[in-house]
């Protein structure tokens, strides 16, 4: 679920950060630049793990910024295919179930990836799994186990001004990183179903 990614970058330390130790100033700059951001085809950056190497600081002409080349590792959230993860049901629709973790909210389980016999009950606004004579509900805010089956990447690069005739309300903003999961299989689904 979590991986370490090695990166090399140039860090610019502003004069107001000169009162901090060099390590703390570099760490603060790296966390501000990378933490809680999605990098395409890499994952969601969580925080700095460690700093492997730094160069001597060079003061830029006219700006007073200290430029430091840094090699470091970041903790990144990117689950691998077929990994089993725990999440919480955020919302449900006839298309499927939206899940979230404490720090990531773009997880989707399509209706086709729920166990056979699962149906969406419009009156309740919930998915229900009907197995023999048992009826089991996927309640909102319930903890579930799911298996990762895919991931989607959507480039967030600005495209420029829109045509005047285009209706902004019809455009759907896609998340930069989305995980698709499945609850088909033994032990997957709501925790309560599998408790003894």
N, C-alpha and C. Protein backbone atom coordinates (compact mmCIF):
# COMPACT_ATOMS: atom_id res chain seq x y z
N UNK A 1 0.82 -1.19 0.00
CA UNK A 1 0.00 0.00 0.00
C UNK A 1 0.87 1.26 0.00
N UNK A 2 1.94 1.24 0.77
CA UNK A 2 2.85 2.39 0.82
C UNK A 2 4.19 1.98 0.23
N UNK A 3 4.77 2.87 -0.55
CA UNK A 3 6.07 2.62 -1.14
C UNK A 3 6.97 3.82 -0.88
N UNK A 4 8.28 3.62 -1.00
CA UNK A 4 9.24 4.71 -0.90
C UNK A 4 9.70 5.07 -2.30
N UNK A 5 9.68 6.36 -2.63
CA UNK A 5 10.08 6.85 -3.94
C UNK A 5 11.27 7.79 -3.76
N UNK A 6 12.35 7.52 -4.51
CA UNK A 6 13.56 8.35 -4.44
C UNK A 6 13.44 9.48 -5.46
N UNK A 7 13.71 10.71 -5.03
CA UNK A 7 13.57 11.89 -5.88
C UNK A 7 14.79 12.79 -5.68
N UNK A 8 15.18 13.49 -6.74
CA UNK A 8 16.19 14.54 -6.67
C UNK A 8 15.53 15.84 -7.09
N UNK A 9 15.75 16.91 -6.33
CA UNK A 9 15.09 18.19 -6.62
C UNK A 9 15.95 19.33 -6.10
N UNK A 10 15.62 20.53 -6.56
CA UNK A 10 16.27 21.75 -6.07
C UNK A 10 15.35 22.41 -5.05
N UNK A 11 15.87 22.65 -3.87
CA UNK A 11 15.08 23.30 -2.81
C UNK A 11 15.59 24.73 -2.66
N UNK A 12 14.66 25.67 -2.58
CA UNK A 12 15.02 27.07 -2.37
C UNK A 12 14.57 27.50 -0.99
N UNK A 13 15.54 27.87 -0.16
CA UNK A 13 15.25 28.28 1.22
C UNK A 13 15.19 29.80 1.26
N UNK A 14 14.05 30.32 1.71
CA UNK A 14 13.83 31.76 1.78
C UNK A 14 14.56 32.36 2.99
N UNK A 15 14.94 33.64 2.92
CA UNK A 15 15.66 34.28 4.04
C UNK A 15 14.92 34.18 5.38
N UNK A 16 13.59 34.17 5.35
CA UNK A 16 12.86 34.08 6.63
C UNK A 16 13.03 32.72 7.31
N UNK A 17 13.53 31.71 6.57
CA UNK A 17 13.76 30.39 7.15
C UNK A 17 15.20 30.20 7.62
N UNK A 18 16.03 31.24 7.53
CA UNK A 18 17.43 31.11 7.94
C UNK A 18 17.59 30.86 9.43
N UNK A 19 16.59 31.19 10.23
CA UNK A 19 16.65 30.95 11.67
C UNK A 19 16.50 29.48 12.02
N UNK A 20 15.96 28.69 11.10
CA UNK A 20 15.79 27.25 11.33
C UNK A 20 17.11 26.53 11.02
N UNK A 21 17.23 25.31 11.53
CA UNK A 21 18.40 24.51 11.14
C UNK A 21 18.25 24.15 9.66
N UNK A 22 19.37 23.88 9.00
CA UNK A 22 19.34 23.57 7.57
C UNK A 22 18.43 22.39 7.27
N UNK A 23 18.54 21.33 8.07
CA UNK A 23 17.73 20.13 7.86
C UNK A 23 16.24 20.45 7.99
N UNK A 24 15.86 21.21 9.01
CA UNK A 24 14.45 21.54 9.22
C UNK A 24 13.92 22.41 8.09
N UNK A 25 14.71 23.37 7.61
CA UNK A 25 14.27 24.22 6.51
C UNK A 25 14.07 23.41 5.24
N UNK A 26 14.98 22.48 4.95
CA UNK A 26 14.84 21.62 3.77
C UNK A 26 13.62 20.71 3.92
N UNK A 27 13.47 20.11 5.09
CA UNK A 27 12.34 19.21 5.35
C UNK A 27 11.01 19.95 5.18
N UNK A 28 10.90 21.15 5.73
CA UNK A 28 9.66 21.92 5.62
C UNK A 28 9.34 22.26 4.16
N UNK A 29 10.37 22.63 3.39
CA UNK A 29 10.16 22.95 1.97
C UNK A 29 9.72 21.72 1.18
N UNK A 30 10.31 20.58 1.43
CA UNK A 30 9.95 19.36 0.71
C UNK A 30 8.53 18.92 1.05
N UNK A 31 8.17 18.96 2.32
CA UNK A 31 6.80 18.59 2.71
C UNK A 31 5.77 19.55 2.13
N UNK A 32 6.09 20.85 2.10
CA UNK A 32 5.17 21.83 1.52
C UNK A 32 4.97 21.60 0.03
N UNK A 33 6.04 21.19 -0.64
CA UNK A 33 5.97 21.00 -2.10
C UNK A 33 5.30 19.68 -2.49
N UNK A 34 5.54 18.61 -1.75
CA UNK A 34 5.10 17.28 -2.18
C UNK A 34 3.97 16.66 -1.37
N UNK A 35 3.93 16.88 -0.06
CA UNK A 35 2.97 16.17 0.79
C UNK A 35 1.53 16.48 0.39
N UNK A 36 0.70 15.43 0.38
CA UNK A 36 -0.73 15.53 0.07
C UNK A 36 -0.98 15.94 -1.38
N UNK A 37 -0.08 15.55 -2.28
CA UNK A 37 -0.24 15.86 -3.70
C UNK A 37 -0.12 14.56 -4.49
N UNK A 38 -0.88 14.46 -5.58
CA UNK A 38 -0.81 13.30 -6.46
C UNK A 38 0.14 13.61 -7.61
N UNK A 39 1.10 12.74 -7.84
CA UNK A 39 2.00 12.84 -8.98
C UNK A 39 1.61 11.73 -9.94
N UNK A 40 1.37 12.09 -11.21
CA UNK A 40 0.91 11.14 -12.21
C UNK A 40 1.81 9.91 -12.29
N UNK A 41 1.16 8.75 -12.30
CA UNK A 41 1.82 7.44 -12.43
C UNK A 41 2.76 7.11 -11.27
N UNK A 42 2.73 7.92 -10.21
CA UNK A 42 3.54 7.62 -9.02
C UNK A 42 2.63 7.32 -7.84
N UNK A 43 1.72 8.23 -7.49
CA UNK A 43 0.78 8.02 -6.40
C UNK A 43 0.58 9.27 -5.57
N UNK A 44 -0.08 9.10 -4.43
CA UNK A 44 -0.35 10.19 -3.50
C UNK A 44 0.81 10.30 -2.52
N UNK A 45 1.52 11.42 -2.56
CA UNK A 45 2.66 11.63 -1.66
C UNK A 45 2.14 11.94 -0.26
N UNK A 46 2.66 11.22 0.72
CA UNK A 46 2.21 11.38 2.10
C UNK A 46 3.15 12.31 2.87
N UNK A 47 4.41 11.93 3.02
CA UNK A 47 5.36 12.78 3.75
C UNK A 47 6.80 12.36 3.43
N UNK A 48 7.72 13.20 3.88
CA UNK A 48 9.14 12.93 3.70
C UNK A 48 9.56 11.76 4.60
N UNK A 49 10.32 10.82 4.03
CA UNK A 49 10.84 9.69 4.80
C UNK A 49 12.24 10.01 5.32
N UNK A 50 13.15 10.35 4.41
CA UNK A 50 14.49 10.73 4.83
C UNK A 50 15.18 11.50 3.71
N UNK A 51 16.26 12.19 4.10
CA UNK A 51 17.08 12.93 3.15
C UNK A 51 18.37 12.15 2.97
N UNK A 52 18.68 11.80 1.70
CA UNK A 52 19.84 10.97 1.41
C UNK A 52 21.11 11.79 1.19
N UNK A 53 20.97 12.97 0.56
CA UNK A 53 22.13 13.78 0.21
C UNK A 53 21.70 15.22 -0.03
N UNK A 54 22.56 16.16 0.34
CA UNK A 54 22.33 17.58 0.05
C UNK A 54 23.64 18.19 -0.44
N UNK A 55 23.51 19.19 -1.31
CA UNK A 55 24.70 19.90 -1.79
C UNK A 55 24.94 21.10 -0.88
N UNK A 56 26.02 21.81 -1.16
CA UNK A 56 26.27 23.08 -0.48
C UNK A 56 25.19 24.07 -0.92
N UNK A 57 24.78 24.94 -0.04
CA UNK A 57 23.80 25.96 -0.41
C UNK A 57 24.45 27.10 -1.16
N UNK A 58 23.85 27.51 -2.27
CA UNK A 58 24.35 28.64 -3.05
C UNK A 58 23.30 29.74 -3.03
N UNK A 59 23.75 30.97 -2.72
CA UNK A 59 22.82 32.09 -2.64
C UNK A 59 22.59 32.64 -4.04
N UNK A 60 21.31 32.78 -4.42
CA UNK A 60 20.95 33.30 -5.73
C UNK A 60 21.17 34.81 -5.78
N UNK A 61 21.59 35.31 -6.93
CA UNK A 61 21.83 36.74 -7.11
C UNK A 61 20.51 37.51 -7.10
N UNK A 62 20.43 38.52 -6.26
CA UNK A 62 19.28 39.41 -6.24
C UNK A 62 18.08 38.91 -5.45
N UNK A 63 17.99 37.60 -5.18
CA UNK A 63 16.81 37.08 -4.48
C UNK A 63 17.08 36.78 -3.01
N UNK A 64 18.29 36.40 -2.70
CA UNK A 64 18.62 36.02 -1.33
C UNK A 64 18.22 34.59 -1.00
N UNK A 65 17.63 33.88 -1.96
CA UNK A 65 17.25 32.49 -1.73
C UNK A 65 18.49 31.60 -1.77
N UNK A 66 18.53 30.62 -0.88
CA UNK A 66 19.61 29.64 -0.87
C UNK A 66 19.14 28.41 -1.65
N UNK A 67 19.88 28.06 -2.71
CA UNK A 67 19.53 26.92 -3.56
C UNK A 67 20.33 25.69 -3.12
N UNK A 68 19.62 24.60 -2.83
CA UNK A 68 20.25 23.37 -2.36
C UNK A 68 19.72 22.20 -3.20
N UNK A 69 20.62 21.44 -3.82
CA UNK A 69 20.22 20.21 -4.50
C UNK A 69 20.07 19.12 -3.44
N UNK A 70 18.97 18.38 -3.54
CA UNK A 70 18.66 17.39 -2.51
C UNK A 70 18.21 16.08 -3.15
N UNK A 71 18.68 14.96 -2.60
CA UNK A 71 18.14 13.64 -2.91
C UNK A 71 17.43 13.16 -1.67
N UNK A 72 16.20 12.68 -1.84
CA UNK A 72 15.40 12.30 -0.68
C UNK A 72 14.42 11.20 -1.07
N UNK A 73 13.78 10.60 -0.06
CA UNK A 73 12.75 9.58 -0.30
C UNK A 73 11.45 10.05 0.35
N UNK A 74 10.35 9.81 -0.37
CA UNK A 74 9.01 10.17 0.12
C UNK A 74 8.18 8.90 0.28
N UNK A 75 7.28 8.91 1.28
CA UNK A 75 6.31 7.84 1.46
C UNK A 75 5.14 8.13 0.52
N UNK A 76 4.79 7.15 -0.32
CA UNK A 76 3.75 7.34 -1.33
C UNK A 76 2.70 6.25 -1.18
N UNK A 77 1.42 6.67 -1.24
CA UNK A 77 0.30 5.73 -1.22
C UNK A 77 0.00 5.31 -2.65
N UNK A 78 0.24 4.04 -2.95
CA UNK A 78 -0.14 3.47 -4.24
C UNK A 78 -0.26 1.96 -4.07
N UNK A 79 -1.48 1.50 -3.79
CA UNK A 79 -1.67 0.07 -3.58
C UNK A 79 -1.44 -0.71 -4.87
N UNK A 80 -0.93 -1.93 -4.74
CA UNK A 80 -0.69 -2.76 -5.91
C UNK A 80 -1.94 -3.57 -6.25
N UNK A 81 -2.00 -4.04 -7.47
CA UNK A 81 -3.16 -4.81 -7.93
C UNK A 81 -3.32 -6.07 -7.09
N UNK A 82 -4.55 -6.40 -6.75
CA UNK A 82 -4.96 -7.57 -5.94
C UNK A 82 -4.68 -7.40 -4.45
N UNK A 83 -4.16 -6.23 -4.02
CA UNK A 83 -3.96 -5.99 -2.59
C UNK A 83 -5.32 -5.81 -1.91
N UNK A 84 -5.45 -6.34 -0.69
CA UNK A 84 -6.69 -6.19 0.08
C UNK A 84 -6.50 -5.04 1.05
N UNK A 85 -7.44 -4.09 1.01
CA UNK A 85 -7.36 -2.87 1.81
C UNK A 85 -8.66 -2.70 2.60
N UNK A 86 -8.57 -1.96 3.69
CA UNK A 86 -9.74 -1.64 4.49
C UNK A 86 -10.17 -0.20 4.20
N UNK A 87 -11.47 0.00 4.03
CA UNK A 87 -12.01 1.34 3.80
C UNK A 87 -13.36 1.49 4.47
N UNK A 88 -13.92 2.67 4.34
CA UNK A 88 -15.23 2.98 4.93
C UNK A 88 -16.17 3.39 3.80
N UNK A 89 -17.42 2.93 3.85
CA UNK A 89 -18.41 3.30 2.84
C UNK A 89 -18.78 4.76 3.02
N UNK A 90 -18.54 5.58 1.97
CA UNK A 90 -18.85 7.01 2.03
C UNK A 90 -20.22 7.30 1.46
N UNK A 91 -20.54 6.71 0.32
CA UNK A 91 -21.85 6.92 -0.31
C UNK A 91 -22.12 5.78 -1.28
N UNK A 92 -23.39 5.69 -1.71
CA UNK A 92 -23.80 4.62 -2.61
C UNK A 92 -24.72 5.17 -3.69
N UNK A 93 -24.67 4.56 -4.86
CA UNK A 93 -25.53 4.93 -5.97
C UNK A 93 -25.82 3.67 -6.77
N UNK A 94 -26.74 3.74 -7.73
CA UNK A 94 -27.00 2.54 -8.54
C UNK A 94 -25.77 2.07 -9.33
N UNK A 95 -24.78 2.96 -9.55
CA UNK A 95 -23.57 2.58 -10.27
C UNK A 95 -22.62 1.76 -9.40
N UNK A 96 -22.62 2.01 -8.07
CA UNK A 96 -21.71 1.30 -7.19
C UNK A 96 -21.56 1.99 -5.85
N UNK A 97 -20.47 1.66 -5.16
CA UNK A 97 -20.21 2.15 -3.80
C UNK A 97 -18.93 2.97 -3.80
N UNK A 98 -18.97 4.16 -3.20
CA UNK A 98 -17.79 5.01 -3.02
C UNK A 98 -17.23 4.76 -1.63
N UNK A 99 -15.92 4.49 -1.58
CA UNK A 99 -15.23 4.24 -0.31
C UNK A 99 -14.21 5.32 -0.05
N UNK A 100 -13.74 5.39 1.21
CA UNK A 100 -12.67 6.30 1.58
C UNK A 100 -11.87 5.69 2.71
N UNK A 101 -10.61 6.15 2.82
CA UNK A 101 -9.79 5.84 3.98
C UNK A 101 -9.63 7.15 4.75
N UNK A 102 -8.81 7.14 5.78
CA UNK A 102 -8.63 8.37 6.56
C UNK A 102 -7.99 9.48 5.75
N UNK A 103 -7.25 9.14 4.69
CA UNK A 103 -6.51 10.16 3.95
C UNK A 103 -6.75 10.13 2.44
N UNK A 104 -7.55 9.18 1.94
CA UNK A 104 -7.79 9.06 0.50
C UNK A 104 -9.27 8.80 0.25
N UNK A 105 -9.88 9.58 -0.67
CA UNK A 105 -11.34 9.53 -0.83
C UNK A 105 -11.82 9.08 -2.20
N UNK A 106 -10.96 8.69 -3.10
CA UNK A 106 -11.37 8.36 -4.46
C UNK A 106 -11.24 6.87 -4.74
N UNK A 107 -12.07 6.08 -4.05
CA UNK A 107 -12.10 4.63 -4.24
C UNK A 107 -13.53 4.26 -4.65
N UNK A 108 -13.66 3.48 -5.72
CA UNK A 108 -14.98 3.14 -6.24
C UNK A 108 -15.09 1.64 -6.46
N UNK A 109 -16.21 1.06 -6.00
CA UNK A 109 -16.53 -0.34 -6.24
C UNK A 109 -17.74 -0.37 -7.17
N UNK A 110 -17.57 -0.74 -8.45
CA UNK A 110 -18.72 -0.81 -9.36
C UNK A 110 -19.70 -1.90 -8.91
N UNK A 111 -20.96 -1.74 -9.27
CA UNK A 111 -21.96 -2.74 -8.93
C UNK A 111 -21.61 -4.12 -9.45
N UNK A 112 -20.92 -4.19 -10.59
CA UNK A 112 -20.53 -5.48 -11.16
C UNK A 112 -19.44 -6.18 -10.35
N UNK A 113 -18.77 -5.44 -9.44
CA UNK A 113 -17.71 -6.02 -8.62
C UNK A 113 -18.19 -6.37 -7.21
N UNK A 114 -19.51 -6.35 -7.01
CA UNK A 114 -20.09 -6.80 -5.74
C UNK A 114 -20.48 -8.27 -5.89
N UNK A 115 -20.66 -9.00 -4.78
CA UNK A 115 -20.99 -10.43 -4.88
C UNK A 115 -22.27 -10.66 -5.69
N UNK A 116 -22.34 -11.83 -6.35
CA UNK A 116 -23.55 -12.20 -7.08
C UNK A 116 -24.73 -12.19 -6.13
N UNK A 117 -25.84 -11.63 -6.57
CA UNK A 117 -27.02 -11.50 -5.72
C UNK A 117 -27.12 -10.13 -5.08
N UNK A 118 -26.19 -9.23 -5.37
CA UNK A 118 -26.24 -7.87 -4.82
C UNK A 118 -27.14 -7.00 -5.70
N UNK A 119 -28.01 -6.24 -5.05
CA UNK A 119 -28.92 -5.34 -5.77
C UNK A 119 -28.96 -4.00 -5.05
N UNK A 120 -29.24 -2.94 -5.81
CA UNK A 120 -29.38 -1.61 -5.22
C UNK A 120 -30.85 -1.37 -4.92
N UNK A 121 -31.18 -1.11 -3.67
CA UNK A 121 -32.55 -0.83 -3.26
C UNK A 121 -32.74 0.68 -3.23
N UNK A 122 -33.52 1.19 -4.19
CA UNK A 122 -33.72 2.63 -4.31
C UNK A 122 -34.40 3.22 -3.08
N UNK A 123 -35.33 2.48 -2.48
CA UNK A 123 -36.06 3.00 -1.31
C UNK A 123 -35.11 3.26 -0.14
N UNK A 124 -34.11 2.39 0.03
CA UNK A 124 -33.14 2.54 1.12
C UNK A 124 -31.94 3.38 0.69
N UNK A 125 -31.65 3.40 -0.61
CA UNK A 125 -30.45 4.07 -1.11
C UNK A 125 -29.20 3.30 -0.76
N UNK A 126 -29.33 1.95 -0.64
CA UNK A 126 -28.22 1.09 -0.23
C UNK A 126 -28.13 -0.13 -1.14
N UNK A 127 -26.93 -0.69 -1.23
CA UNK A 127 -26.74 -1.97 -1.87
C UNK A 127 -27.03 -3.06 -0.85
N UNK A 128 -27.61 -4.17 -1.31
CA UNK A 128 -27.97 -5.29 -0.45
C UNK A 128 -27.48 -6.57 -1.11
N UNK A 129 -26.88 -7.45 -0.32
CA UNK A 129 -26.45 -8.75 -0.80
C UNK A 129 -27.41 -9.79 -0.26
N UNK A 130 -28.11 -10.46 -1.19
CA UNK A 130 -29.08 -11.49 -0.81
C UNK A 130 -28.50 -12.85 -1.14
N UNK A 131 -28.20 -13.61 -0.10
CA UNK A 131 -27.58 -14.93 -0.23
C UNK A 131 -28.50 -15.94 0.45
N UNK A 132 -29.07 -16.87 -0.30
CA UNK A 132 -30.02 -17.86 0.20
C UNK A 132 -31.15 -17.15 0.94
N UNK A 133 -31.27 -17.37 2.26
CA UNK A 133 -32.34 -16.71 3.02
C UNK A 133 -31.81 -15.55 3.85
N UNK A 134 -30.55 -15.16 3.65
CA UNK A 134 -29.96 -14.05 4.40
C UNK A 134 -29.97 -12.77 3.56
N UNK A 135 -30.19 -11.62 4.23
CA UNK A 135 -30.13 -10.32 3.58
C UNK A 135 -29.10 -9.50 4.35
N UNK A 136 -28.03 -9.07 3.64
CA UNK A 136 -26.96 -8.31 4.29
C UNK A 136 -26.82 -6.96 3.61
N UNK A 137 -26.80 -5.90 4.42
CA UNK A 137 -26.79 -4.53 3.92
C UNK A 137 -25.38 -3.94 3.92
N UNK A 138 -25.09 -3.14 2.90
CA UNK A 138 -23.88 -2.32 2.86
C UNK A 138 -24.28 -0.96 3.43
N UNK A 139 -24.17 -0.79 4.73
CA UNK A 139 -24.57 0.47 5.37
C UNK A 139 -23.49 1.53 5.21
N UNK A 140 -23.92 2.79 5.06
CA UNK A 140 -22.96 3.90 4.99
C UNK A 140 -22.18 3.97 6.29
N UNK A 141 -20.93 4.39 6.21
CA UNK A 141 -19.98 4.50 7.33
C UNK A 141 -19.54 3.14 7.89
N UNK A 142 -19.89 2.05 7.21
CA UNK A 142 -19.49 0.72 7.64
C UNK A 142 -18.08 0.42 7.12
N UNK A 143 -17.25 -0.24 7.92
CA UNK A 143 -15.91 -0.63 7.50
C UNK A 143 -16.00 -1.88 6.62
N UNK A 144 -15.26 -1.87 5.50
CA UNK A 144 -15.28 -2.98 4.55
C UNK A 144 -13.86 -3.34 4.13
N UNK A 145 -13.71 -4.58 3.67
CA UNK A 145 -12.47 -5.02 3.03
C UNK A 145 -12.76 -5.11 1.53
N UNK A 146 -11.81 -4.64 0.73
CA UNK A 146 -11.96 -4.75 -0.72
C UNK A 146 -10.61 -5.06 -1.34
N UNK A 147 -10.65 -5.55 -2.56
CA UNK A 147 -9.45 -5.90 -3.30
C UNK A 147 -9.26 -4.91 -4.44
N UNK A 148 -8.05 -4.40 -4.60
CA UNK A 148 -7.75 -3.44 -5.66
C UNK A 148 -7.71 -4.19 -7.00
N UNK A 149 -8.49 -3.69 -7.98
CA UNK A 149 -8.50 -4.33 -9.30
C UNK A 149 -7.99 -3.39 -10.39
N UNK A 150 -7.88 -2.10 -10.10
CA UNK A 150 -7.40 -1.17 -11.11
C UNK A 150 -7.20 0.22 -10.55
N UNK A 151 -6.58 1.07 -11.36
CA UNK A 151 -6.37 2.46 -11.00
C UNK A 151 -6.52 3.32 -12.25
N UNK A 152 -6.97 4.55 -12.06
CA UNK A 152 -7.15 5.49 -13.16
C UNK A 152 -6.36 6.76 -12.85
N UNK A 153 -5.72 7.31 -13.87
CA UNK A 153 -4.98 8.56 -13.73
C UNK A 153 -5.62 9.59 -14.64
N UNK A 154 -5.86 10.78 -14.13
CA UNK A 154 -6.44 11.87 -14.92
C UNK A 154 -5.54 13.08 -14.79
N UNK A 155 -5.02 13.54 -15.93
CA UNK A 155 -4.12 14.68 -15.95
C UNK A 155 -4.86 15.94 -15.53
N UNK A 156 -4.30 16.68 -14.60
CA UNK A 156 -4.93 17.89 -14.08
C UNK A 156 -4.33 19.16 -14.67
N UNK A 157 -3.58 19.03 -15.75
CA UNK A 157 -2.95 20.18 -16.38
C UNK A 157 -4.03 21.11 -16.93
N UNK A 158 -3.93 22.42 -16.68
CA UNK A 158 -4.94 23.35 -17.21
C UNK A 158 -4.96 23.30 -18.73
N UNK A 159 -6.16 23.43 -19.30
CA UNK A 159 -6.31 23.33 -20.75
C UNK A 159 -6.47 24.69 -21.42
N UNK A 160 -6.55 25.77 -20.67
CA UNK A 160 -6.71 27.09 -21.26
C UNK A 160 -8.16 27.55 -21.19
N UNK A 161 -8.44 28.74 -21.73
CA UNK A 161 -9.80 29.26 -21.66
C UNK A 161 -10.78 28.39 -22.45
N UNK A 162 -11.98 28.30 -21.92
CA UNK A 162 -13.01 27.50 -22.57
C UNK A 162 -13.76 28.34 -23.59
N UNK A 163 -14.33 27.67 -24.56
CA UNK A 163 -15.16 28.37 -25.54
C UNK A 163 -16.36 28.97 -24.81
N UNK A 164 -16.82 30.13 -25.25
CA UNK A 164 -17.95 30.80 -24.61
C UNK A 164 -19.23 29.97 -24.70
N UNK A 165 -19.36 29.18 -25.76
CA UNK A 165 -20.58 28.40 -25.94
C UNK A 165 -20.63 27.17 -25.04
N UNK A 166 -19.47 26.76 -24.52
CA UNK A 166 -19.45 25.56 -23.67
C UNK A 166 -20.11 25.84 -22.34
N UNK A 167 -20.86 24.89 -21.86
CA UNK A 167 -21.53 25.02 -20.57
C UNK A 167 -20.63 24.40 -19.49
N UNK A 168 -20.20 25.21 -18.52
CA UNK A 168 -19.30 24.72 -17.47
C UNK A 168 -19.96 23.69 -16.58
N UNK A 169 -21.30 23.76 -16.46
CA UNK A 169 -22.00 22.83 -15.57
C UNK A 169 -21.95 21.40 -16.09
N UNK A 170 -21.76 21.21 -17.39
CA UNK A 170 -21.75 19.86 -17.94
C UNK A 170 -20.39 19.18 -17.80
N UNK A 171 -19.37 19.93 -17.46
CA UNK A 171 -18.04 19.34 -17.31
C UNK A 171 -17.90 18.69 -15.94
N UNK A 172 -17.41 17.46 -15.94
CA UNK A 172 -17.22 16.73 -14.70
C UNK A 172 -15.74 16.73 -14.37
N UNK A 173 -15.40 17.18 -13.19
CA UNK A 173 -14.00 17.20 -12.77
C UNK A 173 -13.64 15.81 -12.24
N UNK A 174 -12.68 15.21 -12.90
CA UNK A 174 -12.23 13.87 -12.52
C UNK A 174 -11.11 13.98 -11.50
N UNK A 175 -11.04 13.06 -10.53
CA UNK A 175 -9.94 13.10 -9.56
C UNK A 175 -8.63 12.73 -10.25
N UNK A 176 -7.49 13.23 -9.75
CA UNK A 176 -6.22 12.92 -10.39
C UNK A 176 -5.84 11.43 -10.29
N UNK A 177 -6.28 10.78 -9.22
CA UNK A 177 -5.96 9.37 -9.00
C UNK A 177 -7.17 8.68 -8.41
N UNK A 178 -7.63 7.61 -9.05
CA UNK A 178 -8.82 6.90 -8.58
C UNK A 178 -8.53 5.42 -8.56
N UNK A 179 -8.95 4.75 -7.49
CA UNK A 179 -8.75 3.31 -7.33
C UNK A 179 -10.08 2.61 -7.55
N UNK A 180 -10.06 1.52 -8.33
CA UNK A 180 -11.24 0.70 -8.53
C UNK A 180 -11.02 -0.60 -7.77
N UNK A 181 -12.06 -1.02 -7.05
CA UNK A 181 -11.93 -2.22 -6.23
C UNK A 181 -13.03 -3.23 -6.48
N UNK A 182 -12.91 -4.35 -5.79
CA UNK A 182 -13.88 -5.44 -5.89
C UNK A 182 -14.17 -5.99 -4.51
N UNK A 183 -15.43 -6.39 -4.29
CA UNK A 183 -15.79 -7.06 -3.04
C UNK A 183 -16.28 -8.48 -3.31
N UNK A 184 -15.94 -9.01 -4.51
CA UNK A 184 -16.25 -10.40 -4.81
C UNK A 184 -15.15 -11.26 -4.22
N UNK A 185 -15.50 -12.23 -3.44
CA UNK A 185 -14.48 -13.12 -2.89
C UNK A 185 -14.67 -13.33 -1.41
N UNK A 186 -14.14 -14.43 -0.89
CA UNK A 186 -14.29 -14.73 0.54
C UNK A 186 -13.55 -13.72 1.41
N UNK A 187 -14.21 -13.30 2.47
CA UNK A 187 -13.61 -12.36 3.43
C UNK A 187 -13.72 -10.92 3.04
N UNK A 188 -14.23 -10.63 1.83
CA UNK A 188 -14.38 -9.25 1.39
C UNK A 188 -15.79 -8.77 1.69
N UNK A 189 -15.95 -7.46 1.83
CA UNK A 189 -17.25 -6.88 2.18
C UNK A 189 -17.20 -6.33 3.59
N UNK A 190 -18.36 -6.14 4.19
CA UNK A 190 -18.45 -5.55 5.53
C UNK A 190 -17.79 -6.44 6.58
N UNK A 191 -17.06 -5.79 7.48
CA UNK A 191 -16.41 -6.51 8.60
C UNK A 191 -17.42 -7.36 9.37
N UNK A 192 -18.59 -6.78 9.64
CA UNK A 192 -19.59 -7.44 10.51
C UNK A 192 -20.02 -8.79 9.96
N UNK A 193 -19.97 -8.97 8.64
CA UNK A 193 -20.42 -10.23 8.06
C UNK A 193 -19.51 -11.38 8.41
N UNK A 194 -18.23 -11.08 8.64
CA UNK A 194 -17.23 -12.14 8.80
C UNK A 194 -16.81 -12.33 10.27
N UNK A 195 -17.41 -11.58 11.18
CA UNK A 195 -17.09 -11.76 12.60
C UNK A 195 -17.69 -13.05 13.10
N UNK A 196 -17.00 -13.69 14.03
CA UNK A 196 -17.53 -14.93 14.61
C UNK A 196 -18.42 -14.63 15.77
